[in-house]
PDB file of N, CA and C in Angstrom:
ATOM      1  N   UNK A   1     -10.517  -4.250  -2.831  1.00  0.00           N
ATOM      2  CA  UNK A   1     -10.052  -3.071  -3.473  1.00  0.00           C
ATOM      3  C   UNK A   1      -9.902  -1.981  -2.420  1.00  0.00           C
ATOM      4  N   UNK A   2      -8.840  -1.225  -2.536  1.00  0.00           N
ATOM      5  CA  UNK A   2      -8.589  -0.119  -1.618  1.00  0.00           C
ATOM      6  C   UNK A   2      -8.529   1.173  -2.418  1.00  0.00           C
ATOM      7  N   UNK A   3      -9.251   2.162  -1.956  1.00  0.00           N
ATOM      8  CA  UNK A   3      -9.159   3.503  -2.525  1.00  0.00           C
ATOM      9  C   UNK A   3      -7.891   4.120  -1.936  1.00  0.00           C
ATOM     10  N   UNK A   4      -6.882   4.323  -2.750  1.00  0.00           N
ATOM     11  CA  UNK A   4      -5.605   4.796  -2.231  1.00  0.00           C
ATOM     12  C   UNK A   4      -5.663   6.229  -1.719  1.00  0.00           C
ATOM     13  N   UNK A   5      -6.608   7.010  -2.197  1.00  0.00           N
ATOM     14  CA  UNK A   5      -6.738   8.378  -1.711  1.00  0.00           C
ATOM     15  C   UNK A   5      -7.262   8.393  -0.277  1.00  0.00           C
ATOM     16  N   UNK A   6      -8.352   7.659  -0.030  1.00  0.00           N
ATOM     17  CA  UNK A   6      -8.963   7.655   1.302  1.00  0.00           C
ATOM     18  C   UNK A   6      -8.434   6.522   2.191  1.00  0.00           C
ATOM     19  N   UNK A   7      -7.693   5.595   1.593  1.00  0.00           N
ATOM     20  CA  UNK A   7      -7.183   4.405   2.283  1.00  0.00           C
ATOM     21  C   UNK A   7      -8.329   3.564   2.843  1.00  0.00           C
ATOM     22  N   UNK A   8      -9.459   3.595   2.157  1.00  0.00           N
ATOM     23  CA  UNK A   8     -10.661   2.883   2.582  1.00  0.00           C
ATOM     24  C   UNK A   8     -10.864   1.642   1.710  1.00  0.00           C
ATOM     25  N   UNK A   9     -11.270   0.542   2.300  1.00  0.00           N
ATOM     26  CA  UNK A   9     -11.622  -0.646   1.522  1.00  0.00           C
ATOM     27  C   UNK A   9     -12.973  -0.375   0.886  1.00  0.00           C
ATOM     28  N   UNK A  10     -13.035  -0.468  -0.434  1.00  0.00           N
ATOM     29  CA  UNK A  10     -14.254  -0.121  -1.158  1.00  0.00           C
ATOM     30  C   UNK A  10     -14.844  -1.275  -1.951  1.00  0.00           C
ATOM     31  N   UNK A  11     -14.148  -2.385  -2.050  1.00  0.00           N
ATOM     32  CA  UNK A  11     -14.683  -3.519  -2.792  1.00  0.00           C
ATOM     33  C   UNK A  11     -14.026  -4.818  -2.370  1.00  0.00           C
ATOM     34  N   UNK A  12     -14.854  -5.866  -2.274  1.00  0.00           N
ATOM     35  CA  UNK A  12     -14.341  -7.200  -1.950  1.00  0.00           C
ATOM     36  C   UNK A  12     -15.347  -8.231  -2.422  1.00  0.00           C
ATOM     37  N   UNK A  13     -14.876  -9.455  -2.553  1.00  0.00           N
ATOM     38  CA  UNK A  13     -15.756 -10.565  -2.917  1.00  0.00           C
ATOM     39  C   UNK A  13     -15.075 -11.858  -2.484  1.00  0.00           C
ATOM     40  N   UNK A  14     -15.842 -12.776  -1.949  1.00  0.00           N
ATOM     41  CA  UNK A  14     -15.325 -14.059  -1.478  1.00  0.00           C
ATOM     42  C   UNK A  14     -15.980 -15.195  -2.237  1.00  0.00           C
ATOM     43  N   UNK A  15     -15.231 -16.277  -2.419  1.00  0.00           N
ATOM     44  CA  UNK A  15     -15.759 -17.480  -3.044  1.00  0.00           C
ATOM     45  C   UNK A  15     -14.890 -18.652  -2.625  1.00  0.00           C
ATOM     46  N   UNK A  16     -15.309 -19.847  -2.981  1.00  0.00           N
ATOM     47  CA  UNK A  16     -14.544 -21.045  -2.622  1.00  0.00           C
ATOM     48  C   UNK A  16     -13.282 -21.200  -3.453  1.00  0.00           C
ATOM     49  N   UNK A  17     -13.258 -20.678  -4.671  1.00  0.00           N
ATOM     50  CA  UNK A  17     -12.093 -20.772  -5.552  1.00  0.00           C
ATOM     51  C   UNK A  17     -11.697 -19.381  -6.037  1.00  0.00           C
ATOM     52  N   UNK A  18     -10.410 -19.216  -6.324  1.00  0.00           N
ATOM     53  CA  UNK A  18      -9.919 -17.948  -6.812  1.00  0.00           C
ATOM     54  C   UNK A  18     -10.100 -17.900  -8.335  1.00  0.00           C
ATOM     55  N   UNK A  19     -11.092 -17.173  -8.781  1.00  0.00           N
ATOM     56  CA  UNK A  19     -11.432 -17.062 -10.193  1.00  0.00           C
ATOM     57  C   UNK A  19     -11.347 -15.596 -10.618  1.00  0.00           C
ATOM     58  N   UNK A  20     -11.175 -15.343 -11.922  1.00  0.00           N
ATOM     59  CA  UNK A  20     -11.149 -13.953 -12.400  1.00  0.00           C
ATOM     60  C   UNK A  20     -12.411 -13.165 -12.058  1.00  0.00           C
ATOM     61  N   UNK A  21     -13.545 -13.842 -11.920  1.00  0.00           N
ATOM     62  CA  UNK A  21     -14.799 -13.156 -11.594  1.00  0.00           C
ATOM     63  C   UNK A  21     -14.735 -12.460 -10.237  1.00  0.00           C
ATOM     64  N   UNK A  22     -13.905 -12.949  -9.328  1.00  0.00           N
ATOM     65  CA  UNK A  22     -13.766 -12.304  -8.023  1.00  0.00           C
ATOM     66  C   UNK A  22     -13.354 -10.850  -8.176  1.00  0.00           C
ATOM     67  N   UNK A  23     -12.413 -10.624  -9.061  1.00  0.00           N
ATOM     68  CA  UNK A  23     -11.911  -9.272  -9.286  1.00  0.00           C
ATOM     69  C   UNK A  23     -13.002  -8.392  -9.878  1.00  0.00           C
ATOM     70  N   UNK A  24     -13.736  -8.920 -10.844  1.00  0.00           N
ATOM     71  CA  UNK A  24     -14.819  -8.151 -11.472  1.00  0.00           C
ATOM     72  C   UNK A  24     -15.892  -7.778 -10.463  1.00  0.00           C
ATOM     73  N   UNK A  25     -16.260  -8.718  -9.597  1.00  0.00           N
ATOM     74  CA  UNK A  25     -17.281  -8.446  -8.582  1.00  0.00           C
ATOM     75  C   UNK A  25     -16.796  -7.385  -7.589  1.00  0.00           C
ATOM     76  N   UNK A  26     -15.551  -7.504  -7.157  1.00  0.00           N
ATOM     77  CA  UNK A  26     -15.005  -6.528  -6.216  1.00  0.00           C
ATOM     78  C   UNK A  26     -14.903  -5.149  -6.862  1.00  0.00           C
ATOM     79  N   UNK A  27     -14.511  -5.094  -8.137  1.00  0.00           N
ATOM     80  CA  UNK A  27     -14.414  -3.815  -8.840  1.00  0.00           C
ATOM     81  C   UNK A  27     -15.790  -3.178  -8.996  1.00  0.00           C
ATOM     82  N   UNK A  28     -16.792  -3.981  -9.336  1.00  0.00           N
ATOM     83  CA  UNK A  28     -18.150  -3.439  -9.467  1.00  0.00           C
ATOM     84  C   UNK A  28     -18.662  -2.915  -8.123  1.00  0.00           C
ATOM     85  N   UNK A  29     -18.339  -3.604  -7.050  1.00  0.00           N
ATOM     86  CA  UNK A  29     -18.736  -3.128  -5.728  1.00  0.00           C
ATOM     87  C   UNK A  29     -18.091  -1.780  -5.434  1.00  0.00           C
ATOM     88  N   UNK A  30     -16.810  -1.662  -5.736  1.00  0.00           N
ATOM     89  CA  UNK A  30     -16.096  -0.403  -5.504  1.00  0.00           C
ATOM     90  C   UNK A  30     -16.667   0.723  -6.361  1.00  0.00           C
ATOM     91  N   UNK A  31     -16.963   0.438  -7.612  1.00  0.00           N
ATOM     92  CA  UNK A  31     -17.525   1.454  -8.510  1.00  0.00           C
ATOM     93  C   UNK A  31     -18.901   1.894  -8.007  1.00  0.00           C
ATOM     94  N   UNK A  32     -19.725   0.949  -7.601  1.00  0.00           N
ATOM     95  CA  UNK A  32     -21.059   1.299  -7.098  1.00  0.00           C
ATOM     96  C   UNK A  32     -21.000   2.084  -5.796  1.00  0.00           C
ATOM     97  N   UNK A  33     -20.006   1.795  -4.972  1.00  0.00           N
ATOM     98  CA  UNK A  33     -19.884   2.493  -3.698  1.00  0.00           C
ATOM     99  C   UNK A  33     -19.361   3.921  -3.880  1.00  0.00           C
ATOM    100  N   UNK A  34     -18.366   4.089  -4.733  1.00  0.00           N
ATOM    101  CA  UNK A  34     -17.699   5.386  -4.860  1.00  0.00           C
ATOM    102  C   UNK A  34     -18.188   6.242  -6.028  1.00  0.00           C
ATOM    103  N   UNK A  35     -18.869   5.643  -7.003  1.00  0.00           N
ATOM    104  CA  UNK A  35     -19.328   6.331  -8.229  1.00  0.00           C
ATOM    105  C   UNK A  35     -18.268   7.301  -8.763  1.00  0.00           C
ATOM    106  N   UNK A  36     -17.154   6.758  -9.241  1.00  0.00           N
ATOM    107  CA  UNK A  36     -16.058   7.611  -9.719  1.00  0.00           C
ATOM    108  C   UNK A  36     -16.400   8.313 -11.036  1.00  0.00           C
ATOM    109  N   UNK A  37     -15.690   9.384 -11.298  1.00  0.00           N
ATOM    110  CA  UNK A  37     -15.855  10.109 -12.555  1.00  0.00           C
ATOM    111  C   UNK A  37     -15.288   9.281 -13.703  1.00  0.00           C
ATOM    112  N   UNK A  38     -15.708   9.621 -14.906  1.00  0.00           N
ATOM    113  CA  UNK A  38     -15.186   8.940 -16.089  1.00  0.00           C
ATOM    114  C   UNK A  38     -13.667   9.090 -16.115  1.00  0.00           C
ATOM    115  N   UNK A  39     -12.990   8.020 -16.505  1.00  0.00           N
ATOM    116  CA  UNK A  39     -11.530   8.046 -16.557  1.00  0.00           C
ATOM    117  C   UNK A  39     -10.880   7.384 -15.355  1.00  0.00           C
ATOM    118  N   UNK A  40     -11.656   6.606 -14.607  1.00  0.00           N
ATOM    119  CA  UNK A  40     -11.135   5.891 -13.452  1.00  0.00           C
ATOM    120  C   UNK A  40      -9.900   5.083 -13.839  1.00  0.00           C
ATOM    121  N   UNK A  41      -8.885   5.124 -13.018  1.00  0.00           N
ATOM    122  CA  UNK A  41      -7.681   4.331 -13.232  1.00  0.00           C
ATOM    123  C   UNK A  41      -7.657   3.215 -12.199  1.00  0.00           C
ATOM    124  N   UNK A  42      -7.641   1.976 -12.682  1.00  0.00           N
ATOM    125  CA  UNK A  42      -7.568   0.811 -11.801  1.00  0.00           C
ATOM    126  C   UNK A  42      -6.250   0.124 -12.092  1.00  0.00           C
ATOM    127  N   UNK A  43      -5.423  -0.018 -11.085  1.00  0.00           N
ATOM    128  CA  UNK A  43      -4.109  -0.608 -11.267  1.00  0.00           C
ATOM    129  C   UNK A  43      -3.940  -1.798 -10.338  1.00  0.00           C
ATOM    130  N   UNK A  44      -3.439  -2.901 -10.880  1.00  0.00           N
ATOM    131  CA  UNK A  44      -3.137  -4.054 -10.049  1.00  0.00           C
ATOM    132  C   UNK A  44      -2.135  -4.956 -10.746  1.00  0.00           C
ATOM    133  N   UNK A  45      -1.252  -5.493  -9.970  1.00  0.00           N
ATOM    134  CA  UNK A  45      -0.322  -6.513 -10.452  1.00  0.00           C
ATOM    135  C   UNK A  45      -0.255  -7.619  -9.404  1.00  0.00           C
ATOM    136  N   UNK A  46      -1.390  -7.998  -8.880  1.00  0.00           N
ATOM    137  CA  UNK A  46      -1.459  -8.877  -7.719  1.00  0.00           C
ATOM    138  C   UNK A  46      -1.572 -10.361  -7.993  1.00  0.00           C
ATOM    139  N   UNK A  47      -1.753 -10.820  -9.209  1.00  0.00           N
ATOM    140  CA  UNK A  47      -1.842 -12.257  -9.398  1.00  0.00           C
ATOM    141  C   UNK A  47      -2.618 -12.643 -10.632  1.00  0.00           C
ATOM    142  N   UNK A  48      -2.697 -13.931 -10.863  1.00  0.00           N
ATOM    143  CA  UNK A  48      -3.290 -14.454 -12.095  1.00  0.00           C
ATOM    144  C   UNK A  48      -4.751 -14.106 -12.248  1.00  0.00           C
ATOM    145  N   UNK A  49      -5.507 -13.990 -11.142  1.00  0.00           N
ATOM    146  CA  UNK A  49      -6.922 -13.665 -11.264  1.00  0.00           C
ATOM    147  C   UNK A  49      -7.130 -12.263 -11.827  1.00  0.00           C
ATOM    148  N   UNK A  50      -6.131 -11.404 -11.746  1.00  0.00           N
ATOM    149  CA  UNK A  50      -6.234 -10.055 -12.306  1.00  0.00           C
ATOM    150  C   UNK A  50      -5.868 -10.028 -13.786  1.00  0.00           C
ATOM    151  N   UNK A  51      -5.239 -11.090 -14.280  1.00  0.00           N
ATOM    152  CA  UNK A  51      -4.775 -11.134 -15.663  1.00  0.00           C
ATOM    153  C   UNK A  51      -5.729 -12.010 -16.466  1.00  0.00           C
ATOM    154  N   UNK A  52      -6.969 -11.609 -16.540  1.00  0.00           N
ATOM    155  CA  UNK A  52      -7.937 -12.356 -17.315  1.00  0.00           C
ATOM    156  C   UNK A  52      -8.262 -11.563 -18.575  1.00  0.00           C
ATOM    157  N   UNK A  53      -9.012 -12.150 -19.453  1.00  0.00           N
ATOM    158  CA  UNK A  53      -9.318 -11.521 -20.736  1.00  0.00           C
ATOM    159  C   UNK A  53     -10.702 -10.914 -20.765  1.00  0.00           C
ATOM    160  N   UNK A  54     -11.182 -10.462 -19.624  1.00  0.00           N
ATOM    161  CA  UNK A  54     -12.474  -9.781 -19.568  1.00  0.00           C
ATOM    162  C   UNK A  54     -12.326  -8.410 -20.200  1.00  0.00           C
ATOM    163  N   UNK A  55     -13.235  -8.085 -21.100  1.00  0.00           N
ATOM    164  CA  UNK A  55     -13.100  -6.833 -21.835  1.00  0.00           C
ATOM    165  C   UNK A  55     -14.231  -5.855 -21.516  1.00  0.00           C
ATOM    166  N   UNK A  56     -14.758  -5.909 -20.313  1.00  0.00           N
ATOM    167  CA  UNK A  56     -15.799  -4.969 -19.913  1.00  0.00           C
ATOM    168  C   UNK A  56     -15.177  -3.596 -19.684  1.00  0.00           C
ATOM    169  N   UNK A  57     -15.931  -2.577 -20.040  1.00  0.00           N
ATOM    170  CA  UNK A  57     -15.506  -1.201 -19.770  1.00  0.00           C
ATOM    171  C   UNK A  57     -16.498  -0.599 -18.798  1.00  0.00           C
ATOM    172  N   UNK A  58     -16.006   0.021 -17.748  1.00  0.00           N
ATOM    173  CA  UNK A  58     -16.881   0.573 -16.718  1.00  0.00           C
ATOM    174  C   UNK A  58     -16.842   2.071 -16.736  1.00  0.00           C
TER     175      UNK A  58
END
């Protein structure tokens, strides 16, 4: 994950297979690192792992 304002990498996760959980782990890392205000906008159109049916709200 890249913070587009600071252009800083704020979240990542590696595994042997590309699963939807990778995105969730990277997003949680970014949220914990930056502690954004309520109303965070997360945008991605990067691939199938981003199009999962996880319904967590952060």
